[in-house]
Amino acid sequence: MSGDNQKEEFVYSPCLGVCVIDDDEMCIGCFRLLTEIQWWSTFDQEERKHIIDACAERKKEYWKNIYK
């Protein structure tokens, strides 16, 4: 049996419901860019995974810069 029959994991929105968009058009709740929030429903699962990874990096950078 091949792996082709496995269901792709659904990637949910990382929205926390505390949207605050900063000057760089990034939400400091979920760390998505405004365009990523606007177009989330149109992205496929692979694109969503990429965005989630990018959000994790943005979050690290954000907090690193806050506590300089």
PDB file of N, CA and C in Angstrom:
ATOM      1  N   MET A   1       0.841  -1.178   0.000  1.00  0.00           N
ATOM      2  CA  MET A   1       0.000   0.000   0.000  1.00  0.00           C
ATOM      3  C   MET A   1       0.885   1.239   0.000  1.00  0.00           C
ATOM      4  N   SER A   2       0.603   2.170  -0.875  1.00  0.00           N
ATOM      5  CA  SER A   2       1.432   3.370  -0.968  1.00  0.00           C
ATOM      6  C   SER A   2       0.891   4.467  -0.069  1.00  0.00           C
ATOM      7  N   GLY A   3       1.711   5.517   0.121  1.00  0.00           N
ATOM      8  CA  GLY A   3       1.327   6.651   0.939  1.00  0.00           C
ATOM      9  C   GLY A   3       0.336   7.572   0.252  1.00  0.00           C
ATOM     10  N   ASP A   4      -0.022   7.265  -1.001  1.00  0.00           N
ATOM     11  CA  ASP A   4      -0.939   8.120  -1.750  1.00  0.00           C
ATOM     12  C   ASP A   4      -2.336   8.151  -1.141  1.00  0.00           C
ATOM     13  N   ASN A   5      -2.686   7.135  -0.362  1.00  0.00           N
ATOM     14  CA  ASN A   5      -4.014   7.051   0.213  1.00  0.00           C
ATOM     15  C   ASN A   5      -4.142   7.829   1.521  1.00  0.00           C
ATOM     16  N   GLN A   6      -3.046   8.362   2.013  1.00  0.00           N
ATOM     17  CA  GLN A   6      -3.088   9.105   3.263  1.00  0.00           C
ATOM     18  C   GLN A   6      -3.733  10.460   3.032  1.00  0.00           C
ATOM     19  N   LYS A   7      -4.570  10.861   3.995  1.00  0.00           N
ATOM     20  CA  LYS A   7      -5.198  12.180   3.898  1.00  0.00           C
ATOM     21  C   LYS A   7      -4.192  13.242   4.297  1.00  0.00           C
ATOM     22  N   GLU A   8      -4.236  14.354   3.582  1.00  0.00           N
ATOM     23  CA  GLU A   8      -3.376  15.478   3.902  1.00  0.00           C
ATOM     24  C   GLU A   8      -3.926  16.157   5.149  1.00  0.00           C
ATOM     25  N   GLU A   9      -3.038  16.513   6.069  1.00  0.00           N
ATOM     26  CA  GLU A   9      -3.449  17.165   7.297  1.00  0.00           C
ATOM     27  C   GLU A   9      -3.966  18.569   6.991  1.00  0.00           C
ATOM     28  N   PHE A  10      -5.138  18.889   7.533  1.00  0.00           N
ATOM     29  CA  PHE A  10      -5.725  20.210   7.315  1.00  0.00           C
ATOM     30  C   PHE A  10      -5.000  21.229   8.185  1.00  0.00           C
ATOM     31  N   VAL A  11      -4.599  22.340   7.595  1.00  0.00           N
ATOM     32  CA  VAL A  11      -3.897  23.396   8.316  1.00  0.00           C
ATOM     33  C   VAL A  11      -4.905  24.494   8.644  1.00  0.00           C
ATOM     34  N   TYR A  12      -5.183  24.631   9.923  1.00  0.00           N
ATOM     35  CA  TYR A  12      -6.147  25.634  10.381  1.00  0.00           C
ATOM     36  C   TYR A  12      -5.497  27.011  10.473  1.00  0.00           C
ATOM     37  N   SER A  13      -6.339  28.016  10.455  1.00  0.00           N
ATOM     38  CA  SER A  13      -5.876  29.389  10.621  1.00  0.00           C
ATOM     39  C   SER A  13      -5.260  29.555  12.012  1.00  0.00           C
ATOM     40  N   PRO A  14      -4.133  30.260  12.098  1.00  0.00           N
ATOM     41  CA  PRO A  14      -3.506  30.486  13.397  1.00  0.00           C
ATOM     42  C   PRO A  14      -4.120  31.667  14.154  1.00  0.00           C
ATOM     43  N   CYS A  15      -5.226  32.214  13.641  1.00  0.00           N
ATOM     44  CA  CYS A  15      -5.841  33.393  14.236  1.00  0.00           C
ATOM     45  C   CYS A  15      -6.181  33.152  15.703  1.00  0.00           C
ATOM     46  N   LEU A  16      -5.801  34.123  16.544  1.00  0.00           N
ATOM     47  CA  LEU A  16      -6.098  34.059  17.976  1.00  0.00           C
ATOM     48  C   LEU A  16      -7.245  34.979  18.359  1.00  0.00           C
ATOM     49  N   GLY A  17      -7.749  35.727  17.385  1.00  0.00           N
ATOM     50  CA  GLY A  17      -8.843  36.641  17.650  1.00  0.00           C
ATOM     51  C   GLY A  17      -8.418  37.918  18.354  1.00  0.00           C
ATOM     52  N   VAL A  18      -7.145  38.233  18.292  1.00  0.00           N
ATOM     53  CA  VAL A  18      -6.622  39.461  18.909  1.00  0.00           C
ATOM     54  C   VAL A  18      -5.871  40.282  17.859  1.00  0.00           C
ATOM     55  N   CYS A  19      -6.476  40.459  16.722  1.00  0.00           N
ATOM     56  CA  CYS A  19      -5.819  41.116  15.594  1.00  0.00           C
ATOM     57  C   CYS A  19      -5.380  42.543  15.922  1.00  0.00           C
ATOM     58  N   VAL A  20      -4.100  42.763  15.811  1.00  0.00           N
ATOM     59  CA  VAL A  20      -3.504  44.089  15.911  1.00  0.00           C
ATOM     60  C   VAL A  20      -2.473  44.144  14.802  1.00  0.00           C
ATOM     61  N   ILE A  21      -2.724  44.976  13.810  1.00  0.00           N
ATOM     62  CA  ILE A  21      -1.833  45.075  12.654  1.00  0.00           C
ATOM     63  C   ILE A  21      -0.820  46.185  12.915  1.00  0.00           C
ATOM     64  N   ASP A  22       0.472  45.848  12.816  1.00  0.00           N
ATOM     65  CA  ASP A  22       1.525  46.836  13.067  1.00  0.00           C
ATOM     66  C   ASP A  22       1.849  47.630  11.798  1.00  0.00           C
ATOM     67  N   ASP A  23       2.849  48.483  11.882  1.00  0.00           N
ATOM     68  CA  ASP A  23       3.228  49.334  10.747  1.00  0.00           C
ATOM     69  C   ASP A  23       3.756  48.545   9.549  1.00  0.00           C
ATOM     70  N   ASP A  24       4.199  47.306   9.781  1.00  0.00           N
ATOM     71  CA  ASP A  24       4.691  46.446   8.699  1.00  0.00           C
ATOM     72  C   ASP A  24       3.585  45.562   8.120  1.00  0.00           C
ATOM     73  N   GLU A  25       2.331  45.867   8.482  1.00  0.00           N
ATOM     74  CA  GLU A  25       1.169  45.090   8.042  1.00  0.00           C
ATOM     75  C   GLU A  25       1.242  43.631   8.491  1.00  0.00           C
ATOM     76  N   MET A  26       1.698  43.436   9.731  1.00  0.00           N
ATOM     77  CA  MET A  26       1.774  42.108  10.332  1.00  0.00           C
ATOM     78  C   MET A  26       0.914  42.102  11.591  1.00  0.00           C
ATOM     79  N   CYS A  27       0.138  41.050  11.758  1.00  0.00           N
ATOM     80  CA  CYS A  27      -0.666  40.900  12.965  1.00  0.00           C
ATOM     81  C   CYS A  27       0.243  40.429  14.097  1.00  0.00           C
ATOM     82  N   ILE A  28       0.222  41.142  15.210  1.00  0.00           N
ATOM     83  CA  ILE A  28       1.076  40.723  16.329  1.00  0.00           C
ATOM     84  C   ILE A  28       0.353  39.738  17.246  1.00  0.00           C
ATOM     85  N   GLY A  29      -0.772  39.213  16.784  1.00  0.00           N
ATOM     86  CA  GLY A  29      -1.449  38.122  17.464  1.00  0.00           C
ATOM     87  C   GLY A  29      -1.017  36.785  16.880  1.00  0.00           C
ATOM     88  N   CYS A  30      -1.151  36.653  15.550  1.00  0.00           N
ATOM     89  CA  CYS A  30      -0.813  35.385  14.886  1.00  0.00           C
ATOM     90  C   CYS A  30       0.446  35.480  14.032  1.00  0.00           C
ATOM     91  N   PHE A  31       0.938  36.695  13.817  1.00  0.00           N
ATOM     92  CA  PHE A  31       2.163  36.957  13.054  1.00  0.00           C
ATOM     93  C   PHE A  31       2.045  36.680  11.560  1.00  0.00           C
ATOM     94  N   ARG A  32       0.801  36.697  11.065  1.00  0.00           N
ATOM     95  CA  ARG A  32       0.621  36.641   9.618  1.00  0.00           C
ATOM     96  C   ARG A  32       0.645  38.058   9.065  1.00  0.00           C
ATOM     97  N   LEU A  33       1.036  38.174   7.796  1.00  0.00           N
ATOM     98  CA  LEU A  33       0.969  39.446   7.098  1.00  0.00           C
ATOM     99  C   LEU A  33      -0.484  39.696   6.695  1.00  0.00           C
ATOM    100  N   LEU A  34      -0.822  40.952   6.518  1.00  0.00           N
ATOM    101  CA  LEU A  34      -2.190  41.311   6.172  1.00  0.00           C
ATOM    102  C   LEU A  34      -2.668  40.568   4.923  1.00  0.00           C
ATOM    103  N   THR A  35      -1.817  40.463   3.920  1.00  0.00           N
ATOM    104  CA  THR A  35      -2.212  39.746   2.696  1.00  0.00           C
ATOM    105  C   THR A  35      -2.440  38.260   2.966  1.00  0.00           C
ATOM    106  N   GLU A  36      -1.667  37.675   3.883  1.00  0.00           N
ATOM    107  CA  GLU A  36      -1.859  36.260   4.227  1.00  0.00           C
ATOM    108  C   GLU A  36      -3.187  36.051   4.943  1.00  0.00           C
ATOM    109  N   ILE A  37      -3.570  37.023   5.770  1.00  0.00           N
ATOM    110  CA  ILE A  37      -4.866  36.950   6.456  1.00  0.00           C
ATOM    111  C   ILE A  37      -5.991  37.066   5.433  1.00  0.00           C
ATOM    112  N   GLN A  38      -5.871  38.037   4.548  1.00  0.00           N
ATOM    113  CA  GLN A  38      -6.913  38.285   3.548  1.00  0.00           C
ATOM    114  C   GLN A  38      -7.133  37.091   2.625  1.00  0.00           C
ATOM    115  N   TRP A  39      -6.062  36.414   2.239  1.00  0.00           N
ATOM    116  CA  TRP A  39      -6.151  35.357   1.233  1.00  0.00           C
ATOM    117  C   TRP A  39      -6.072  33.945   1.809  1.00  0.00           C
ATOM    118  N   TRP A  40      -6.103  33.795   3.130  1.00  0.00           N
ATOM    119  CA  TRP A  40      -5.923  32.492   3.783  1.00  0.00           C
ATOM    120  C   TRP A  40      -6.821  31.414   3.178  1.00  0.00           C
ATOM    121  N   SER A  41      -8.083  31.718   2.970  1.00  0.00           N
ATOM    122  CA  SER A  41      -9.024  30.699   2.493  1.00  0.00           C
ATOM    123  C   SER A  41      -8.709  30.215   1.079  1.00  0.00           C
ATOM    124  N   THR A  42      -7.893  30.952   0.343  1.00  0.00           N
ATOM    125  CA  THR A  42      -7.559  30.557  -1.027  1.00  0.00           C
ATOM    126  C   THR A  42      -6.284  29.720  -1.119  1.00  0.00           C
ATOM    127  N   PHE A  43      -5.502  29.670  -0.042  1.00  0.00           N
ATOM    128  CA  PHE A  43      -4.232  28.942  -0.063  1.00  0.00           C
ATOM    129  C   PHE A  43      -4.452  27.440   0.100  1.00  0.00           C
ATOM    130  N   ASP A  44      -3.633  26.654  -0.595  1.00  0.00           N
ATOM    131  CA  ASP A  44      -3.695  25.206  -0.387  1.00  0.00           C
ATOM    132  C   ASP A  44      -2.929  24.848   0.888  1.00  0.00           C
ATOM    133  N   GLN A  45      -2.985  23.592   1.273  1.00  0.00           N
ATOM    134  CA  GLN A  45      -2.400  23.165   2.547  1.00  0.00           C
ATOM    135  C   GLN A  45      -0.883  23.388   2.606  1.00  0.00           C
ATOM    136  N   GLU A  46      -0.209  23.176   1.491  1.00  0.00           N
ATOM    137  CA  GLU A  46       1.244  23.382   1.453  1.00  0.00           C
ATOM    138  C   GLU A  46       1.589  24.855   1.663  1.00  0.00           C
ATOM    139  N   GLU A  47       0.842  25.736   1.019  1.00  0.00           N
ATOM    140  CA  GLU A  47       1.062  27.172   1.198  1.00  0.00           C
ATOM    141  C   GLU A  47       0.783  27.586   2.638  1.00  0.00           C
ATOM    142  N   ARG A  48      -0.265  27.018   3.229  1.00  0.00           N
ATOM    143  CA  ARG A  48      -0.595  27.328   4.622  1.00  0.00           C
ATOM    144  C   ARG A  48       0.526  26.880   5.568  1.00  0.00           C
ATOM    145  N   LYS A  49       1.074  25.706   5.315  1.00  0.00           N
ATOM    146  CA  LYS A  49       2.192  25.218   6.146  1.00  0.00           C
ATOM    147  C   LYS A  49       3.381  26.170   6.051  1.00  0.00           C
ATOM    148  N   HIS A  50       3.656  26.641   4.853  1.00  0.00           N
ATOM    149  CA  HIS A  50       4.756  27.586   4.640  1.00  0.00           C
ATOM    150  C   HIS A  50       4.503  28.877   5.418  1.00  0.00           C
ATOM    151  N   ILE A  51       3.276  29.357   5.395  1.00  0.00           N
ATOM    152  CA  ILE A  51       2.924  30.577   6.128  1.00  0.00           C
ATOM    153  C   ILE A  51       3.068  30.358   7.625  1.00  0.00           C
ATOM    154  N   ILE A  52       2.620  29.225   8.120  1.00  0.00           N
ATOM    155  CA  ILE A  52       2.742  28.914   9.555  1.00  0.00           C
ATOM    156  C   ILE A  52       4.214  28.912   9.962  1.00  0.00           C
ATOM    157  N   ASP A  53       5.072  28.329   9.134  1.00  0.00           N
ATOM    158  CA  ASP A  53       6.518  28.333   9.422  1.00  0.00           C
ATOM    159  C   ASP A  53       7.067  29.756   9.439  1.00  0.00           C
ATOM    160  N   ALA A  54       6.634  30.562   8.473  1.00  0.00           N
ATOM    161  CA  ALA A  54       7.080  31.958   8.410  1.00  0.00           C
ATOM    162  C   ALA A  54       6.601  32.725   9.641  1.00  0.00           C
ATOM    163  N   CYS A  55       5.386  32.438  10.092  1.00  0.00           N
ATOM    164  CA  CYS A  55       4.853  33.099  11.295  1.00  0.00           C
ATOM    165  C   CYS A  55       5.699  32.782  12.522  1.00  0.00           C
ATOM    166  N   ALA A  56       6.140  31.541  12.634  1.00  0.00           N
ATOM    167  CA  ALA A  56       6.978  31.153  13.771  1.00  0.00           C
ATOM    168  C   ALA A  56       8.282  31.948  13.769  1.00  0.00           C
ATOM    169  N   GLU A  57       8.860  32.146  12.594  1.00  0.00           N
ATOM    170  CA  GLU A  57      10.091  32.934  12.486  1.00  0.00           C
ATOM    171  C   GLU A  57       9.836  34.405  12.802  1.00  0.00           C
ATOM    172  N   ARG A  58       8.728  34.925  12.303  1.00  0.00           N
ATOM    173  CA  ARG A  58       8.378  36.328  12.586  1.00  0.00           C
ATOM    174  C   ARG A  58       8.167  36.543  14.080  1.00  0.00           C
ATOM    175  N   LYS A  59       7.532  35.574  14.716  1.00  0.00           N
ATOM    176  CA  LYS A  59       7.281  35.668  16.160  1.00  0.00           C
ATOM    177  C   LYS A  59       8.592  35.723  16.935  1.00  0.00           C
ATOM    178  N   LYS A  60       9.547  34.866  16.572  1.00  0.00           N
ATOM    179  CA  LYS A  60      10.870  34.881  17.220  1.00  0.00           C
ATOM    180  C   LYS A  60      11.540  36.236  17.055  1.00  0.00           C
ATOM    181  N   GLU A  61      11.524  36.746  15.821  1.00  0.00           N
ATOM    182  CA  GLU A  61      12.151  38.043  15.535  1.00  0.00           C
ATOM    183  C   GLU A  61      11.465  39.171  16.299  1.00  0.00           C
ATOM    184  N   TYR A  62      10.145  39.125  16.337  1.00  0.00           N
ATOM    185  CA  TYR A  62       9.380  40.159  17.023  1.00  0.00           C
ATOM    186  C   TYR A  62       9.780  40.228  18.493  1.00  0.00           C
ATOM    187  N   TRP A  63       9.768  39.093  19.172  1.00  0.00           N
ATOM    188  CA  TRP A  63      10.073  39.089  20.606  1.00  0.00           C
ATOM    189  C   TRP A  63      11.550  39.348  20.868  1.00  0.00           C
ATOM    190  N   LYS A  64      12.409  38.927  19.959  1.00  0.00           N
ATOM    191  CA  LYS A  64      13.831  39.238  20.101  1.00  0.00           C
ATOM    192  C   LYS A  64      14.060  40.744  20.058  1.00  0.00           C
ATOM    193  N   ASN A  65      13.346  41.432  19.154  1.00  0.00           N
ATOM    194  CA  ASN A  65      13.477  42.881  19.019  1.00  0.00           C
ATOM    195  C   ASN A  65      12.812  43.629  20.157  1.00  0.00           C
ATOM    196  N   ILE A  66      11.772  43.068  20.732  1.00  0.00           N
ATOM    197  CA  ILE A  66      11.094  43.712  21.859  1.00  0.00           C
ATOM    198  C   ILE A  66      12.007  43.757  23.081  1.00  0.00           C
ATOM    199  N   TYR A  67      12.760  42.681  23.291  1.00  0.00           N
ATOM    200  CA  TYR A  67      13.577  42.560  24.502  1.00  0.00           C
ATOM    201  C   TYR A  67      15.057  42.837  24.243  1.00  0.00           C
ATOM    202  N   LYS A  68      15.354  43.738  23.307  1.00  0.00           N
ATOM    203  CA  LYS A  68      16.746  44.106  23.038  1.00  0.00           C
ATOM    204  C   LYS A  68      17.315  44.866  24.206  1.00  0.00           C
TER     205      LYS A  68
END
